[in-house]
N, C-alpha and C. Protein backbone atom coordinates (compact mmCIF):
# COMPACT_ATOMS: atom_id res chain seq x y z
N MET A 1 0.90 -1.20 -0.03
CA MET A 1 0.04 -0.02 -0.02
C MET A 1 0.85 1.26 0.00
N ALA A 2 0.71 2.11 -0.92
CA ALA A 2 1.48 3.30 -1.04
C ALA A 2 1.11 4.35 0.01
N LYS A 3 2.11 5.01 0.55
CA LYS A 3 1.91 6.04 1.59
C LYS A 3 1.41 7.29 0.79
N PRO A 4 0.46 8.02 1.44
CA PRO A 4 0.10 9.28 0.87
C PRO A 4 1.29 10.22 0.90
N LEU A 5 1.23 11.21 0.07
CA LEU A 5 2.33 12.24 0.07
C LEU A 5 2.29 13.00 1.41
N ALA A 6 3.39 13.13 2.04
CA ALA A 6 3.47 13.79 3.38
C ALA A 6 3.24 15.26 3.10
N LEU A 7 2.51 15.89 4.04
CA LEU A 7 2.31 17.34 4.09
C LEU A 7 3.70 18.03 4.50
N ASP A 8 3.87 19.25 4.16
CA ASP A 8 5.04 19.98 4.64
C ASP A 8 4.85 20.68 5.91
N PHE A 9 3.72 20.36 6.62
CA PHE A 9 3.40 20.85 7.98
C PHE A 9 2.56 19.88 8.67
N ASP A 10 2.51 20.00 10.00
CA ASP A 10 1.65 19.10 10.88
C ASP A 10 0.31 19.74 10.92
N PRO A 11 -0.75 18.99 10.27
CA PRO A 11 -2.08 19.55 10.31
C PRO A 11 -2.73 19.68 11.68
N ILE A 12 -2.32 18.72 12.59
CA ILE A 12 -2.91 18.80 13.92
C ILE A 12 -2.25 20.04 14.71
N ALA A 13 -0.94 20.28 14.49
CA ALA A 13 -0.33 21.50 15.14
C ALA A 13 -1.01 22.74 14.57
N ARG A 14 -1.28 22.75 13.18
CA ARG A 14 -1.87 23.90 12.61
C ARG A 14 -3.34 24.11 13.23
N ALA A 15 -4.04 23.00 13.35
CA ALA A 15 -5.45 23.18 13.85
C ALA A 15 -5.31 23.67 15.30
N ASP A 16 -4.28 23.23 16.05
CA ASP A 16 -4.07 23.68 17.41
C ASP A 16 -3.84 25.27 17.42
N GLU A 17 -2.97 25.73 16.50
CA GLU A 17 -2.81 27.18 16.44
C GLU A 17 -4.08 27.93 16.09
N LEU A 18 -4.81 27.44 15.14
CA LEU A 18 -6.06 28.10 14.75
C LEU A 18 -7.12 28.04 15.82
N TRP A 19 -7.15 26.94 16.51
CA TRP A 19 -8.10 26.76 17.64
C TRP A 19 -7.74 27.74 18.78
N THR A 20 -6.44 27.86 19.03
CA THR A 20 -6.00 28.81 20.10
C THR A 20 -6.32 30.18 19.78
N ARG A 21 -6.13 30.56 18.49
CA ARG A 21 -6.49 32.00 18.15
C ARG A 21 -7.96 32.23 18.29
N ARG A 22 -8.74 31.20 17.95
CA ARG A 22 -10.21 31.39 18.00
C ARG A 22 -10.85 31.23 19.40
N TRP A 23 -10.45 30.23 20.03
CA TRP A 23 -11.10 29.92 21.36
C TRP A 23 -10.13 29.93 22.57
N GLY A 24 -8.94 30.13 22.36
CA GLY A 24 -7.90 30.03 23.42
C GLY A 24 -7.27 28.64 23.40
N GLY A 25 -6.22 28.58 24.18
CA GLY A 25 -5.47 27.23 24.22
C GLY A 25 -6.29 26.15 24.85
N VAL A 26 -6.43 25.07 24.19
CA VAL A 26 -7.06 23.87 24.70
C VAL A 26 -6.17 22.64 24.27
N PRO A 27 -5.18 22.27 25.07
CA PRO A 27 -4.31 21.19 24.77
C PRO A 27 -5.06 19.88 24.54
N ALA A 28 -6.18 19.69 25.19
CA ALA A 28 -6.97 18.50 25.00
C ALA A 28 -7.34 18.29 23.56
N MET A 29 -7.67 19.36 22.92
CA MET A 29 -8.04 19.23 21.46
C MET A 29 -7.01 18.56 20.61
N SER A 30 -5.74 19.10 20.73
CA SER A 30 -4.66 18.55 19.90
C SER A 30 -4.29 17.13 20.40
N ALA A 31 -4.46 16.86 21.78
CA ALA A 31 -4.20 15.52 22.25
C ALA A 31 -5.24 14.46 21.71
N ILE A 32 -6.52 14.83 21.76
CA ILE A 32 -7.48 13.87 21.21
C ILE A 32 -7.33 13.61 19.73
N THR A 33 -7.00 14.68 19.00
CA THR A 33 -6.86 14.59 17.54
C THR A 33 -5.69 13.68 17.29
N SER A 34 -4.62 13.81 17.99
CA SER A 34 -3.39 13.00 17.85
C SER A 34 -3.71 11.52 18.22
N ILE A 35 -4.46 11.41 19.26
CA ILE A 35 -4.82 9.95 19.62
C ILE A 35 -5.63 9.25 18.50
N MET A 36 -6.63 10.03 18.04
CA MET A 36 -7.50 9.51 16.98
C MET A 36 -6.70 9.22 15.75
N ARG A 37 -5.73 10.05 15.38
CA ARG A 37 -4.98 9.78 14.15
C ARG A 37 -3.97 8.62 14.42
N ALA A 38 -3.43 8.53 15.63
CA ALA A 38 -2.61 7.37 15.97
C ALA A 38 -3.36 6.07 15.90
N HIS A 39 -4.65 6.08 16.37
CA HIS A 39 -5.45 4.92 16.29
C HIS A 39 -5.60 4.42 14.82
N GLN A 40 -5.89 5.43 13.94
CA GLN A 40 -5.98 5.08 12.50
C GLN A 40 -4.77 4.46 11.94
N ILE A 41 -3.60 5.08 12.30
CA ILE A 41 -2.30 4.61 11.76
C ILE A 41 -2.04 3.17 12.31
N LEU A 42 -2.21 3.01 13.57
CA LEU A 42 -1.87 1.75 14.19
C LEU A 42 -2.77 0.58 13.67
N LEU A 43 -4.08 0.88 13.62
CA LEU A 43 -4.99 -0.13 13.18
C LEU A 43 -4.68 -0.53 11.71
N SER A 44 -4.31 0.53 10.88
CA SER A 44 -4.02 0.12 9.49
C SER A 44 -2.73 -0.70 9.53
N ARG A 45 -1.75 -0.41 10.30
CA ARG A 45 -0.53 -1.23 10.29
C ARG A 45 -0.68 -2.67 10.81
N VAL A 46 -1.49 -2.81 11.96
CA VAL A 46 -1.73 -4.17 12.41
C VAL A 46 -2.65 -4.95 11.52
N ASP A 47 -3.62 -4.32 11.02
CA ASP A 47 -4.55 -5.04 10.04
C ASP A 47 -3.87 -5.50 8.83
N ALA A 48 -2.86 -4.71 8.32
CA ALA A 48 -2.12 -5.19 7.15
C ALA A 48 -1.37 -6.48 7.44
N VAL A 49 -0.95 -6.63 8.72
CA VAL A 49 -0.30 -7.90 9.11
C VAL A 49 -1.26 -9.03 9.22
N VAL A 50 -2.38 -8.87 9.84
CA VAL A 50 -3.27 -9.93 10.17
C VAL A 50 -4.28 -10.23 8.98
N LYS A 51 -4.45 -9.42 8.05
CA LYS A 51 -5.39 -9.56 6.93
C LYS A 51 -4.95 -10.80 6.09
N PRO A 52 -3.72 -11.09 5.80
CA PRO A 52 -3.41 -12.33 5.04
C PRO A 52 -3.85 -13.63 5.75
N TYR A 53 -4.13 -13.51 7.06
CA TYR A 53 -4.68 -14.67 7.86
C TYR A 53 -6.17 -14.68 7.87
N GLY A 54 -6.81 -13.75 7.19
CA GLY A 54 -8.21 -13.74 7.18
C GLY A 54 -8.75 -13.08 8.45
N LEU A 55 -7.90 -12.31 9.16
CA LEU A 55 -8.31 -11.77 10.39
C LEU A 55 -8.30 -10.20 10.28
N THR A 56 -9.05 -9.62 11.25
CA THR A 56 -8.97 -8.22 11.63
C THR A 56 -8.32 -8.18 13.00
N PHE A 57 -7.87 -7.07 13.46
CA PHE A 57 -7.30 -7.02 14.84
C PHE A 57 -8.17 -7.49 15.89
N ALA A 58 -9.46 -7.19 15.75
CA ALA A 58 -10.47 -7.58 16.76
C ALA A 58 -10.56 -9.15 16.78
N ARG A 59 -10.53 -9.82 15.60
CA ARG A 59 -10.60 -11.26 15.58
C ARG A 59 -9.28 -11.84 16.14
N TYR A 60 -8.19 -11.19 15.84
CA TYR A 60 -6.86 -11.68 16.36
C TYR A 60 -6.94 -11.61 17.90
N GLU A 61 -7.47 -10.50 18.46
CA GLU A 61 -7.49 -10.40 19.87
C GLU A 61 -8.37 -11.48 20.52
N ALA A 62 -9.48 -11.86 19.91
CA ALA A 62 -10.33 -12.92 20.38
C ALA A 62 -9.59 -14.28 20.41
N LEU A 63 -8.82 -14.51 19.29
CA LEU A 63 -8.00 -15.80 19.25
C LEU A 63 -7.00 -15.80 20.34
N VAL A 64 -6.25 -14.67 20.51
CA VAL A 64 -5.28 -14.59 21.58
C VAL A 64 -5.81 -14.79 23.00
N LEU A 65 -7.00 -14.22 23.18
CA LEU A 65 -7.72 -14.42 24.46
C LEU A 65 -7.99 -15.84 24.72
N LEU A 66 -8.45 -16.60 23.67
CA LEU A 66 -8.72 -18.04 23.86
C LEU A 66 -7.40 -18.80 24.15
N THR A 67 -6.27 -18.39 23.59
CA THR A 67 -5.03 -19.09 23.90
C THR A 67 -4.62 -18.88 25.31
N PHE A 68 -5.05 -17.75 25.90
CA PHE A 68 -4.72 -17.45 27.23
C PHE A 68 -5.46 -18.28 28.29
N SER A 69 -6.67 -18.81 27.86
CA SER A 69 -7.46 -19.58 28.76
C SER A 69 -6.85 -21.01 28.97
N ARG A 70 -7.02 -21.53 30.11
CA ARG A 70 -6.48 -22.84 30.51
C ARG A 70 -6.89 -23.96 29.53
N THR A 71 -8.12 -23.86 29.10
CA THR A 71 -8.76 -24.93 28.30
C THR A 71 -8.72 -24.56 26.81
N GLY A 72 -8.46 -23.36 26.44
CA GLY A 72 -8.65 -22.85 25.11
C GLY A 72 -9.97 -22.57 24.68
N GLU A 73 -10.90 -22.39 25.68
CA GLU A 73 -12.26 -22.01 25.43
C GLU A 73 -12.76 -21.11 26.53
N LEU A 74 -13.73 -20.22 26.09
CA LEU A 74 -14.34 -19.30 26.97
C LEU A 74 -15.79 -19.09 26.57
N SER A 75 -16.69 -18.62 27.47
CA SER A 75 -18.00 -18.31 27.08
C SER A 75 -17.95 -17.01 26.25
N LEU A 76 -18.93 -16.84 25.36
CA LEU A 76 -19.04 -15.60 24.68
C LEU A 76 -19.14 -14.44 25.52
N SER A 77 -19.90 -14.53 26.68
CA SER A 77 -20.05 -13.40 27.53
C SER A 77 -18.70 -13.05 28.21
N LYS A 78 -17.86 -14.05 28.50
CA LYS A 78 -16.56 -13.79 29.09
C LYS A 78 -15.59 -13.11 28.06
N ILE A 79 -15.73 -13.55 26.80
CA ILE A 79 -14.97 -12.90 25.77
C ILE A 79 -15.27 -11.49 25.63
N GLY A 80 -16.61 -11.10 25.66
CA GLY A 80 -17.01 -9.81 25.55
C GLY A 80 -16.59 -8.89 26.70
N GLU A 81 -16.64 -9.53 27.87
CA GLU A 81 -16.18 -8.84 29.13
C GLU A 81 -14.76 -8.49 29.08
N ARG A 82 -13.84 -9.45 28.70
CA ARG A 82 -12.48 -9.31 28.66
C ARG A 82 -11.98 -8.38 27.55
N LEU A 83 -12.69 -8.45 26.39
CA LEU A 83 -12.32 -7.57 25.26
C LEU A 83 -13.02 -6.18 25.35
N MET A 84 -13.94 -6.04 26.29
CA MET A 84 -14.67 -4.83 26.54
C MET A 84 -15.43 -4.42 25.33
N VAL A 85 -16.16 -5.41 24.74
CA VAL A 85 -17.04 -5.14 23.52
C VAL A 85 -18.40 -5.64 23.79
N HIS A 86 -19.36 -5.06 23.01
CA HIS A 86 -20.78 -5.47 23.13
C HIS A 86 -20.98 -6.91 22.71
N PRO A 87 -21.96 -7.55 23.26
CA PRO A 87 -22.24 -8.97 22.93
C PRO A 87 -22.45 -9.21 21.44
N THR A 88 -23.06 -8.29 20.75
CA THR A 88 -23.35 -8.42 19.33
C THR A 88 -21.97 -8.53 18.63
N SER A 89 -21.00 -7.72 19.04
CA SER A 89 -19.71 -7.75 18.36
C SER A 89 -18.95 -9.05 18.61
N VAL A 90 -19.17 -9.64 19.83
CA VAL A 90 -18.57 -10.89 20.14
C VAL A 90 -19.14 -11.94 19.18
N THR A 91 -20.47 -11.98 19.15
CA THR A 91 -21.18 -12.96 18.24
C THR A 91 -20.67 -12.91 16.83
N ASN A 92 -20.57 -11.67 16.31
CA ASN A 92 -20.10 -11.46 14.97
C ASN A 92 -18.62 -11.94 14.82
N THR A 93 -17.81 -11.65 15.78
CA THR A 93 -16.46 -12.06 15.71
C THR A 93 -16.36 -13.52 15.71
N VAL A 94 -17.02 -14.23 16.64
CA VAL A 94 -16.91 -15.65 16.71
C VAL A 94 -17.57 -16.32 15.47
N ASP A 95 -18.65 -15.71 14.97
CA ASP A 95 -19.23 -16.30 13.71
C ASP A 95 -18.13 -16.28 12.58
N ARG A 96 -17.42 -15.27 12.44
CA ARG A 96 -16.47 -15.15 11.39
C ARG A 96 -15.28 -16.15 11.70
N LEU A 97 -14.86 -16.28 12.90
CA LEU A 97 -13.75 -17.13 13.23
C LEU A 97 -14.18 -18.63 13.00
N GLU A 98 -15.44 -18.90 13.36
CA GLU A 98 -15.91 -20.19 13.12
C GLU A 98 -16.03 -20.58 11.67
N ARG A 99 -16.52 -19.72 10.84
CA ARG A 99 -16.58 -19.93 9.37
C ARG A 99 -15.21 -20.15 8.85
N ALA A 100 -14.14 -19.51 9.35
CA ALA A 100 -12.77 -19.66 8.95
C ALA A 100 -12.07 -20.95 9.52
N GLY A 101 -12.82 -21.63 10.38
CA GLY A 101 -12.26 -22.87 10.98
C GLY A 101 -11.22 -22.63 12.05
N LEU A 102 -11.25 -21.37 12.59
CA LEU A 102 -10.34 -21.00 13.67
C LEU A 102 -10.89 -21.25 15.08
N VAL A 103 -12.18 -21.26 15.23
CA VAL A 103 -12.82 -21.59 16.50
C VAL A 103 -13.98 -22.55 16.21
N SER A 104 -14.45 -23.22 17.26
CA SER A 104 -15.68 -23.96 17.20
C SER A 104 -16.48 -23.55 18.41
N ARG A 105 -17.75 -23.85 18.29
CA ARG A 105 -18.69 -23.51 19.38
C ARG A 105 -19.37 -24.80 19.93
N ARG A 106 -19.72 -24.69 21.16
CA ARG A 106 -20.55 -25.72 21.78
C ARG A 106 -21.39 -25.15 22.99
N PRO A 107 -22.45 -25.79 23.32
CA PRO A 107 -23.14 -25.30 24.43
C PRO A 107 -22.31 -25.25 25.71
N ASN A 108 -22.61 -24.21 26.55
CA ASN A 108 -21.88 -24.17 27.79
C ASN A 108 -22.55 -25.12 28.83
N PRO A 109 -21.88 -26.16 29.28
CA PRO A 109 -22.57 -27.11 30.14
C PRO A 109 -22.89 -26.49 31.56
N LEU A 110 -22.30 -25.38 31.92
CA LEU A 110 -22.55 -24.71 33.14
C LEU A 110 -23.65 -23.64 33.05
N ASP A 111 -24.12 -23.36 31.78
CA ASP A 111 -25.13 -22.39 31.58
C ASP A 111 -25.92 -22.78 30.40
N GLY A 112 -27.20 -23.25 30.61
CA GLY A 112 -28.05 -23.80 29.57
C GLY A 112 -28.29 -22.93 28.32
N ARG A 113 -28.14 -21.53 28.52
CA ARG A 113 -28.30 -20.68 27.41
C ARG A 113 -27.04 -20.19 26.80
N GLY A 114 -25.95 -20.39 27.52
CA GLY A 114 -24.64 -19.90 27.09
C GLY A 114 -23.97 -20.76 26.07
N VAL A 115 -22.93 -20.10 25.37
CA VAL A 115 -22.16 -20.80 24.34
C VAL A 115 -20.72 -20.63 24.65
N LEU A 116 -19.89 -21.64 24.44
CA LEU A 116 -18.41 -21.60 24.48
C LEU A 116 -17.86 -21.51 23.17
N ALA A 117 -16.82 -20.74 23.04
CA ALA A 117 -15.95 -20.65 21.81
C ALA A 117 -14.64 -21.35 22.20
N ALA A 118 -14.23 -22.25 21.37
CA ALA A 118 -12.94 -22.94 21.57
C ALA A 118 -12.03 -22.77 20.33
N ILE A 119 -10.80 -22.48 20.60
CA ILE A 119 -9.89 -22.27 19.57
C ILE A 119 -9.51 -23.65 18.94
N THR A 120 -9.42 -23.75 17.68
CA THR A 120 -9.08 -25.00 16.97
C THR A 120 -7.51 -25.06 16.79
N GLY A 121 -7.06 -26.22 16.40
CA GLY A 121 -5.61 -26.33 16.15
C GLY A 121 -5.17 -25.39 15.05
N ARG A 122 -5.95 -25.20 14.04
CA ARG A 122 -5.68 -24.22 12.97
C ARG A 122 -5.64 -22.78 13.53
N GLY A 123 -6.62 -22.55 14.43
CA GLY A 123 -6.60 -21.22 15.13
C GLY A 123 -5.40 -20.99 15.85
N ARG A 124 -4.87 -21.95 16.59
CA ARG A 124 -3.60 -21.82 17.37
C ARG A 124 -2.48 -21.51 16.39
N ASP A 125 -2.46 -22.23 15.25
CA ASP A 125 -1.32 -22.01 14.25
C ASP A 125 -1.38 -20.55 13.72
N VAL A 126 -2.57 -20.19 13.40
CA VAL A 126 -2.71 -18.85 12.84
C VAL A 126 -2.34 -17.77 13.86
N VAL A 127 -2.71 -17.93 15.08
CA VAL A 127 -2.47 -16.88 16.13
C VAL A 127 -0.90 -16.83 16.32
N GLU A 128 -0.28 -18.00 16.30
CA GLU A 128 1.14 -18.06 16.62
C GLU A 128 1.92 -17.37 15.51
N GLU A 129 1.55 -17.60 14.20
CA GLU A 129 2.16 -16.97 13.09
C GLU A 129 1.98 -15.51 13.05
N ALA A 130 0.68 -15.05 13.19
CA ALA A 130 0.37 -13.67 13.18
C ALA A 130 1.06 -12.92 14.35
N THR A 131 1.17 -13.52 15.55
CA THR A 131 1.84 -12.97 16.67
C THR A 131 3.31 -12.68 16.44
N ARG A 132 3.95 -13.73 15.81
CA ARG A 132 5.36 -13.52 15.40
C ARG A 132 5.55 -12.33 14.53
N GLU A 133 4.71 -12.16 13.60
CA GLU A 133 4.79 -10.97 12.61
C GLU A 133 4.52 -9.66 13.34
N LEU A 134 3.48 -9.66 14.16
CA LEU A 134 3.12 -8.40 14.91
C LEU A 134 4.26 -8.02 15.85
N MET A 135 4.86 -9.02 16.55
CA MET A 135 5.92 -8.66 17.44
C MET A 135 7.16 -8.18 16.73
N ALA A 136 7.33 -8.76 15.50
CA ALA A 136 8.52 -8.27 14.71
C ALA A 136 8.42 -6.82 14.28
N MET A 137 7.16 -6.30 14.19
CA MET A 137 7.04 -4.96 13.83
C MET A 137 6.50 -4.08 15.07
N ASP A 138 6.76 -4.68 16.28
CA ASP A 138 6.34 -3.98 17.55
C ASP A 138 5.00 -3.47 17.58
N PHE A 139 4.06 -4.28 16.95
CA PHE A 139 2.63 -3.92 16.91
C PHE A 139 2.47 -2.48 16.30
N GLY A 140 3.39 -2.10 15.36
CA GLY A 140 3.23 -0.75 14.74
C GLY A 140 3.87 0.32 15.45
N LEU A 141 4.43 -0.05 16.65
CA LEU A 141 5.04 1.04 17.52
C LEU A 141 6.64 1.04 17.44
N GLU A 142 7.12 0.58 16.33
CA GLU A 142 8.56 0.40 16.22
C GLU A 142 9.35 1.67 16.45
N GLY A 143 8.82 2.85 16.40
CA GLY A 143 9.44 4.08 16.56
C GLY A 143 9.56 4.45 18.04
N TYR A 144 9.07 3.66 18.90
CA TYR A 144 9.05 3.93 20.33
C TYR A 144 9.91 2.91 21.08
N SER A 145 10.57 3.35 22.16
CA SER A 145 11.28 2.47 22.99
C SER A 145 10.40 1.68 23.94
N GLU A 146 10.84 0.67 24.61
CA GLU A 146 10.07 -0.07 25.60
C GLU A 146 9.50 0.86 26.66
N GLU A 147 10.45 1.80 27.11
CA GLU A 147 10.04 2.70 28.18
C GLU A 147 8.94 3.56 27.65
N GLN A 148 9.07 4.07 26.44
CA GLN A 148 8.07 4.98 25.94
C GLN A 148 6.72 4.28 25.83
N CYS A 149 6.67 3.01 25.42
CA CYS A 149 5.44 2.27 25.35
C CYS A 149 4.81 2.11 26.72
N ARG A 150 5.69 1.92 27.68
CA ARG A 150 5.17 1.83 29.08
C ARG A 150 4.51 3.09 29.49
N GLN A 151 5.20 4.25 29.11
CA GLN A 151 4.72 5.59 29.44
C GLN A 151 3.30 5.84 28.76
N VAL A 152 3.16 5.50 27.48
CA VAL A 152 1.95 5.64 26.82
C VAL A 152 0.80 4.88 27.58
N PHE A 153 1.12 3.57 27.93
CA PHE A 153 0.21 2.75 28.63
C PHE A 153 -0.23 3.51 29.99
N GLU A 154 0.68 4.05 30.75
CA GLU A 154 0.46 4.70 32.06
C GLU A 154 -0.35 6.00 31.83
N LEU A 155 0.03 6.78 30.74
CA LEU A 155 -0.65 7.96 30.45
C LEU A 155 -2.16 7.78 30.11
N LEU A 156 -2.49 6.65 29.42
CA LEU A 156 -3.88 6.33 29.05
C LEU A 156 -4.73 5.61 30.09
N ARG A 157 -4.00 5.05 31.11
CA ARG A 157 -4.68 4.26 32.14
C ARG A 157 -5.67 5.10 32.94
N PRO A 158 -5.40 6.29 33.37
CA PRO A 158 -6.50 7.05 34.10
C PRO A 158 -7.74 7.24 33.16
N LEU A 159 -7.65 7.46 31.95
CA LEU A 159 -8.77 7.51 31.02
C LEU A 159 -9.61 6.25 31.05
N ARG A 160 -8.96 5.10 31.04
CA ARG A 160 -9.65 3.83 31.09
C ARG A 160 -10.31 3.54 32.42
N VAL A 161 -9.64 4.04 33.45
CA VAL A 161 -10.25 3.82 34.88
C VAL A 161 -11.47 4.70 34.90
N ASP A 162 -11.35 5.96 34.53
CA ASP A 162 -12.51 6.89 34.51
C ASP A 162 -13.73 6.35 33.69
N ALA A 163 -13.41 5.63 32.57
CA ALA A 163 -14.47 5.15 31.73
C ALA A 163 -15.09 3.86 32.32
N GLY A 164 -14.45 3.37 33.45
CA GLY A 164 -15.06 2.19 34.06
C GLY A 164 -14.58 0.81 33.53
N ASP A 165 -13.45 0.86 32.77
CA ASP A 165 -12.87 -0.41 32.25
C ASP A 165 -12.50 -1.31 33.41
N PHE A 166 -12.04 -0.79 34.53
CA PHE A 166 -11.62 -1.62 35.73
C PHE A 166 -11.41 -0.71 36.83
N THR A 167 -11.43 -1.34 38.00
CA THR A 167 -11.15 -0.68 39.19
C THR A 167 -9.71 -0.88 39.64
N PRO A 168 -8.95 0.16 39.67
CA PRO A 168 -7.54 -0.15 40.06
C PRO A 168 -7.42 -0.52 41.57
N PRO A 169 -6.43 -1.28 41.90
CA PRO A 169 -6.23 -1.73 43.27
C PRO A 169 -5.88 -0.54 44.12
N THR A 170 -6.38 -0.56 45.36
CA THR A 170 -6.09 0.57 46.22
C THR A 170 -4.68 0.40 46.79
N PRO A 171 -3.88 1.54 46.82
CA PRO A 171 -2.51 1.37 47.29
C PRO A 171 -2.46 0.90 48.78
N LYS A 172 -1.47 0.12 48.99
CA LYS A 172 -1.33 -0.39 50.43
C LYS A 172 -0.51 0.71 51.12
N GLU A 173 -0.87 0.90 52.42
CA GLU A 173 -0.18 1.92 53.15
C GLU A 173 0.84 1.30 54.02
């Protein structure tokens, strides 16, 4: 895929200058715009790696989650909870993975209405190959050091806590 021609200026910095002239300085505007653009860039990079495997990053994440479980299977509700997505998205993701032969479904013996998704041998092979490729390109973050990646994680953590993703442990005194 060809890269678009680079501009000779940073459009987000320019928008920040114009915003500041019109409404005053609001660093949050340039921060959110940068985060949204970074999301587009990173999703494009990782999707380019997983696409040859018939995956999107969301489907890749679901497969990885299944490999993390002791038995290689989880309920659809648990998948949605862990990936923090709506049940409809989980159903769609598992449908596509099942059609590709990467997962199978079975009724959950502990919940009469529930369904378990189990990773197949082919699913394990695909996730291992895709993971090697993603790790080789640092998940699209090759321009950052390990320390910088940790800093990004820590900088975004309060946003995730505030959104209710999880309750952080209370510090011990």
